[in-house]
Amino acid sequence: MSSSAAVPRRAAAPVRRTLPASAGALLLGSGEIGSLPLRTPELLWSSTRADSDAGAPEGVQLVSGTVLPTGQRELILRRAPGELRLRFPVPTPEITGVPGLWQETGAGVAYIHAPLTGAQWAELRRGHPNLVVLGNARALWQDGAPFVETLWEVRSQLGA
């Protein structure tokens, strides 16, 4: 089963994708978010080295922003010739009393800190994100089932 979909262009960053579905569990293909070319599945790699990228693996490089205000984080996804900069808050549910949040971090990009409420999912769906960044993926992964449940919820709430 195969499908091609042209995603409407957004003013700040055009998004284009062609993805065939494989048994509803995996998306294969390629596309662009802004000037960043992506393939799915994609290798995402990071490095703490400050030297050149000579000998770097194929795929998209993940770089953390360095000079940021307190409570903010920036991730930079990079593959020549483009990059995508994503800035988002670092939530502290213990302080804010809010267990989950989401925000748009770029044109067509949503940052999620799970779990979200039904109202938050409804608001997020209205934004039609093309890329979702799961901010607390590591903590959810360590707990096991919550990671899988969150991925399922992202897929069921926002579509494939």
C-alpha atoms as a PDB file:
ATOM      1  CA  MET A   1       0.000   0.000   0.000  1.00  0.00           C
ATOM      2  CA  SER A   2       1.462   3.333  -1.005  1.00  0.00           C
ATOM      3  CA  SER A   3       0.372   6.939  -0.766  1.00  0.00           C
ATOM      4  CA  SER A   4       1.811  10.305  -1.724  1.00  0.00           C
ATOM      5  CA  ALA A   5       0.708  13.479  -0.048  1.00  0.00           C
ATOM      6  CA  ALA A   6       1.743  17.027  -0.769  1.00  0.00           C
ATOM      7  CA  VAL A   7       1.579  19.033   2.426  1.00  0.00           C
ATOM      8  CA  PRO A   8       0.535  22.670   1.869  1.00  0.00           C
ATOM      9  CA  ARG A   9       3.333  25.178   2.133  1.00  0.00           C
ATOM     10  CA  ARG A  10       3.534  27.293   5.253  1.00  0.00           C
ATOM     11  CA  ALA A  11       4.801  30.832   5.023  1.00  0.00           C
ATOM     12  CA  ALA A  12       7.893  30.323   7.207  1.00  0.00           C
ATOM     13  CA  ALA A  13       8.954  26.810   6.142  1.00  0.00           C
ATOM     14  CA  PRO A  14       7.629  24.739   3.278  1.00  0.00           C
ATOM     15  CA  VAL A  15       7.026  21.094   4.135  1.00  0.00           C
ATOM     16  CA  ARG A  16       7.005  18.411   1.465  1.00  0.00           C
ATOM     17  CA  ARG A  17       6.818  14.653   1.937  1.00  0.00           C
ATOM     18  CA  THR A  18       6.236  11.439   0.045  1.00  0.00           C
ATOM     19  CA  LEU A  19       5.740   8.481   2.342  1.00  0.00           C
ATOM     20  CA  PRO A  20       4.494   4.969   1.594  1.00  0.00           C
ATOM     21  CA  ALA A  21       2.975   3.221   4.606  1.00  0.00           C
ATOM     22  CA  SER A  22       4.157  -0.278   5.473  1.00  0.00           C
ATOM     23  CA  ALA A  23       1.550  -2.267   7.417  1.00  0.00           C
ATOM     24  CA  GLY A  24       0.551   0.940   9.214  1.00  0.00           C
ATOM     25  CA  ALA A  25       3.571   0.672  11.503  1.00  0.00           C
ATOM     26  CA  LEU A  26       6.369   2.389   9.628  1.00  0.00           C
ATOM     27  CA  LEU A  27       6.669   5.319   7.291  1.00  0.00           C
ATOM     28  CA  LEU A  28       9.286   5.187   4.555  1.00  0.00           C
ATOM     29  CA  GLY A  29      10.206   8.013   2.241  1.00  0.00           C
ATOM     30  CA  SER A  30      11.707  11.462   2.147  1.00  0.00           C
ATOM     31  CA  GLY A  31      10.758  15.069   2.592  1.00  0.00           C
ATOM     32  CA  GLU A  32      11.877  18.490   3.741  1.00  0.00           C
ATOM     33  CA  ILE A  33      11.063  20.728   6.666  1.00  0.00           C
ATOM     34  CA  GLY A  34      12.247  24.175   5.709  1.00  0.00           C
ATOM     35  CA  SER A  35      15.674  23.619   4.146  1.00  0.00           C
ATOM     36  CA  LEU A  36      16.344  20.372   6.073  1.00  0.00           C
ATOM     37  CA  PRO A  37      16.078  17.231   3.907  1.00  0.00           C
ATOM     38  CA  LEU A  38      14.818  14.155   5.819  1.00  0.00           C
ATOM     39  CA  ARG A  39      14.392  10.458   5.032  1.00  0.00           C
ATOM     40  CA  THR A  40      12.392   8.002   7.107  1.00  0.00           C
ATOM     41  CA  PRO A  41      13.602   6.050   8.882  1.00  0.00           C
ATOM     42  CA  GLU A  42      16.505   8.407   9.564  1.00  0.00           C
ATOM     43  CA  LEU A  43      19.775   8.131  11.454  1.00  0.00           C
ATOM     44  CA  LEU A  44      20.121  10.938  13.972  1.00  0.00           C
ATOM     45  CA  TRP A  45      23.559  11.372  15.509  1.00  0.00           C
ATOM     46  CA  SER A  46      25.187  13.750  17.933  1.00  0.00           C
ATOM     47  CA  SER A  47      28.713  14.501  18.999  1.00  0.00           C
ATOM     48  CA  THR A  48      30.344  16.376  21.826  1.00  0.00           C
ATOM     49  CA  ARG A  49      33.440  17.024  19.724  1.00  0.00           C
ATOM     50  CA  ALA A  50      34.151  20.622  18.812  1.00  0.00           C
ATOM     51  CA  ASP A  51      36.289  19.671  15.819  1.00  0.00           C
ATOM     52  CA  SER A  52      35.253  19.277  12.174  1.00  0.00           C
ATOM     53  CA  ASP A  53      32.646  16.867  10.888  1.00  0.00           C
ATOM     54  CA  ALA A  54      35.252  14.938   8.851  1.00  0.00           C
ATOM     55  CA  GLY A  55      34.414  11.254   9.025  1.00  0.00           C
ATOM     56  CA  ALA A  56      30.966  11.946  10.466  1.00  0.00           C
ATOM     57  CA  PRO A  57      28.290   9.314   9.882  1.00  0.00           C
ATOM     58  CA  GLU A  58      25.507   9.726   7.333  1.00  0.00           C
ATOM     59  CA  GLY A  59      22.266  11.175   8.600  1.00  0.00           C
ATOM     60  CA  VAL A  60      21.082  14.222  10.481  1.00  0.00           C
ATOM     61  CA  GLN A  61      23.357  15.721  13.120  1.00  0.00           C
ATOM     62  CA  LEU A  62      21.816  16.771  16.431  1.00  0.00           C
ATOM     63  CA  VAL A  63      23.521  19.717  18.117  1.00  0.00           C
ATOM     64  CA  SER A  64      22.506  21.364  21.381  1.00  0.00           C
ATOM     65  CA  GLY A  65      22.369  25.149  21.489  1.00  0.00           C
ATOM     66  CA  THR A  66      24.853  26.597  23.966  1.00  0.00           C
ATOM     67  CA  VAL A  67      23.959  30.167  24.991  1.00  0.00           C
ATOM     68  CA  LEU A  68      20.372  30.116  26.185  1.00  0.00           C
ATOM     69  CA  PRO A  69      18.321  31.750  28.924  1.00  0.00           C
ATOM     70  CA  THR A  70      17.542  29.666  31.999  1.00  0.00           C
ATOM     71  CA  GLY A  71      14.675  27.265  31.412  1.00  0.00           C
ATOM     72  CA  GLN A  72      15.183  27.116  27.627  1.00  0.00           C
ATOM     73  CA  ARG A  73      16.736  24.479  25.377  1.00  0.00           C
ATOM     74  CA  GLU A  74      17.643  24.586  21.713  1.00  0.00           C
ATOM     75  CA  LEU A  75      18.186  21.623  19.434  1.00  0.00           C
ATOM     76  CA  ILE A  76      19.635  22.069  15.984  1.00  0.00           C
ATOM     77  CA  LEU A  77      19.030  19.375  13.380  1.00  0.00           C
ATOM     78  CA  ARG A  78      21.617  19.716  10.614  1.00  0.00           C
ATOM     79  CA  ARG A  79      22.303  18.105   7.245  1.00  0.00           C
ATOM     80  CA  ALA A  80      23.965  20.024   4.457  1.00  0.00           C
ATOM     81  CA  PRO A  81      22.731  22.291   3.064  1.00  0.00           C
ATOM     82  CA  GLY A  82      20.037  22.961   5.701  1.00  0.00           C
ATOM     83  CA  GLU A  83      19.346  23.076   9.381  1.00  0.00           C
ATOM     84  CA  LEU A  84      16.301  23.313  11.611  1.00  0.00           C
ATOM     85  CA  ARG A  85      16.539  25.189  14.940  1.00  0.00           C
ATOM     86  CA  LEU A  86      14.047  24.240  17.623  1.00  0.00           C
ATOM     87  CA  ARG A  87      13.817  26.238  20.869  1.00  0.00           C
ATOM     88  CA  PHE A  88      11.517  25.122  23.662  1.00  0.00           C
ATOM     89  CA  PRO A  89      11.034  25.396  27.427  1.00  0.00           C
ATOM     90  CA  VAL A  90      12.390  22.868  29.883  1.00  0.00           C
ATOM     91  CA  PRO A  91       9.276  22.233  31.981  1.00  0.00           C
ATOM     92  CA  THR A  92       9.435  21.336  35.641  1.00  0.00           C
ATOM     93  CA  PRO A  93       6.080  19.765  36.550  1.00  0.00           C
ATOM     94  CA  GLU A  94       7.092  19.713  40.220  1.00  0.00           C
ATOM     95  CA  ILE A  95       7.227  23.521  40.191  1.00  0.00           C
ATOM     96  CA  THR A  96       4.521  24.443  37.676  1.00  0.00           C
ATOM     97  CA  GLY A  97       2.033  21.799  38.804  1.00  0.00           C
ATOM     98  CA  VAL A  98       1.290  21.039  35.124  1.00  0.00           C
ATOM     99  CA  PRO A  99       2.219  17.473  34.150  1.00  0.00           C
ATOM    100  CA  GLY A 100       2.342  18.015  30.400  1.00  0.00           C
ATOM    101  CA  LEU A 101       2.591  20.777  27.836  1.00  0.00           C
ATOM    102  CA  TRP A 102       3.074  21.403  24.161  1.00  0.00           C
ATOM    103  CA  GLN A 103       4.159  24.362  22.105  1.00  0.00           C
ATOM    104  CA  GLU A 104       4.937  25.184  18.501  1.00  0.00           C
ATOM    105  CA  THR A 105       8.712  25.545  18.192  1.00  0.00           C
ATOM    106  CA  GLY A 106       8.894  26.296  14.487  1.00  0.00           C
ATOM    107  CA  ALA A 107       6.732  26.217  11.392  1.00  0.00           C
ATOM    108  CA  GLY A 108       4.972  22.862  11.516  1.00  0.00           C
ATOM    109  CA  VAL A 109       7.024  21.645  14.507  1.00  0.00           C
ATOM    110  CA  ALA A 110       5.470  20.818  17.888  1.00  0.00           C
ATOM    111  CA  TYR A 111       7.338  20.143  21.119  1.00  0.00           C
ATOM    112  CA  ILE A 112       5.492  17.792  23.507  1.00  0.00           C
ATOM    113  CA  HIS A 113       6.214  17.052  27.149  1.00  0.00           C
ATOM    114  CA  ALA A 114       3.852  14.133  27.872  1.00  0.00           C
ATOM    115  CA  PRO A 115       1.298  13.437  29.197  1.00  0.00           C
ATOM    116  CA  LEU A 116      -1.124  15.846  27.542  1.00  0.00           C
ATOM    117  CA  THR A 117      -4.758  16.393  28.461  1.00  0.00           C
ATOM    118  CA  GLY A 118      -7.607  15.917  25.991  1.00  0.00           C
ATOM    119  CA  ALA A 119      -7.909  19.685  25.601  1.00  0.00           C
ATOM    120  CA  GLN A 120      -4.184  19.992  24.876  1.00  0.00           C
ATOM    121  CA  TRP A 121      -4.392  17.236  22.218  1.00  0.00           C
ATOM    122  CA  ALA A 122      -7.360  18.998  20.595  1.00  0.00           C
ATOM    123  CA  GLU A 123      -5.446  22.292  20.487  1.00  0.00           C
ATOM    124  CA  LEU A 124      -2.357  20.548  19.099  1.00  0.00           C
ATOM    125  CA  ARG A 125      -4.399  18.833  16.357  1.00  0.00           C
ATOM    126  CA  ARG A 126      -5.643  22.242  15.182  1.00  0.00           C
ATOM    127  CA  GLY A 127      -1.998  23.224  14.559  1.00  0.00           C
ATOM    128  CA  HIS A 128      -1.419  20.284  12.150  1.00  0.00           C
ATOM    129  CA  PRO A 129       2.241  19.669  13.073  1.00  0.00           C
ATOM    130  CA  ASN A 130       4.451  17.887  10.550  1.00  0.00           C
ATOM    131  CA  LEU A 131       7.187  17.066  13.073  1.00  0.00           C
ATOM    132  CA  VAL A 132       6.756  16.220  16.757  1.00  0.00           C
ATOM    133  CA  VAL A 133       9.637  16.438  19.246  1.00  0.00           C
ATOM    134  CA  LEU A 134       9.005  14.397  22.391  1.00  0.00           C
ATOM    135  CA  GLY A 135      10.859  16.379  25.044  1.00  0.00           C
ATOM    136  CA  ASN A 136      10.705  13.824  27.828  1.00  0.00           C
ATOM    137  CA  ALA A 137      11.346  10.754  25.653  1.00  0.00           C
ATOM    138  CA  ARG A 138      14.339   9.629  27.733  1.00  0.00           C
ATOM    139  CA  ALA A 139      12.369   9.597  30.997  1.00  0.00           C
ATOM    140  CA  LEU A 140       9.440   7.824  29.332  1.00  0.00           C
ATOM    141  CA  TRP A 141      11.821   5.311  27.704  1.00  0.00           C
ATOM    142  CA  GLN A 142      13.333   4.452  31.091  1.00  0.00           C
ATOM    143  CA  ASP A 143       9.852   3.676  32.411  1.00  0.00           C
ATOM    144  CA  GLY A 144       9.132   1.404  29.427  1.00  0.00           C
ATOM    145  CA  ALA A 145       5.381   1.236  28.870  1.00  0.00           C
ATOM    146  CA  PRO A 146       4.812   5.029  29.161  1.00  0.00           C
ATOM    147  CA  PHE A 147       7.117   5.549  26.159  1.00  0.00           C
ATOM    148  CA  VAL A 148       5.173   3.124  23.975  1.00  0.00           C
ATOM    149  CA  GLU A 149       1.849   4.531  25.211  1.00  0.00           C
ATOM    150  CA  THR A 150       2.967   8.085  24.405  1.00  0.00           C
ATOM    151  CA  LEU A 151       4.089   7.119  20.891  1.00  0.00           C
ATOM    152  CA  TRP A 152       0.749   5.393  20.359  1.00  0.00           C
ATOM    153  CA  GLU A 153      -1.084   8.468  21.609  1.00  0.00           C
ATOM    154  CA  VAL A 154       0.910  10.782  19.313  1.00  0.00           C
ATOM    155  CA  ARG A 155       0.086   8.563  16.370  1.00  0.00           C
ATOM    156  CA  SER A 156      -3.596   8.105  17.232  1.00  0.00           C
ATOM    157  CA  GLN A 157      -4.140  11.782  18.091  1.00  0.00           C
ATOM    158  CA  LEU A 158      -2.150  13.311  15.221  1.00  0.00           C
ATOM    159  CA  GLY A 159      -2.209  10.597  12.575  1.00  0.00           C
ATOM    160  CA  ALA A 160       0.629   8.879  10.769  1.00  0.00           C
END
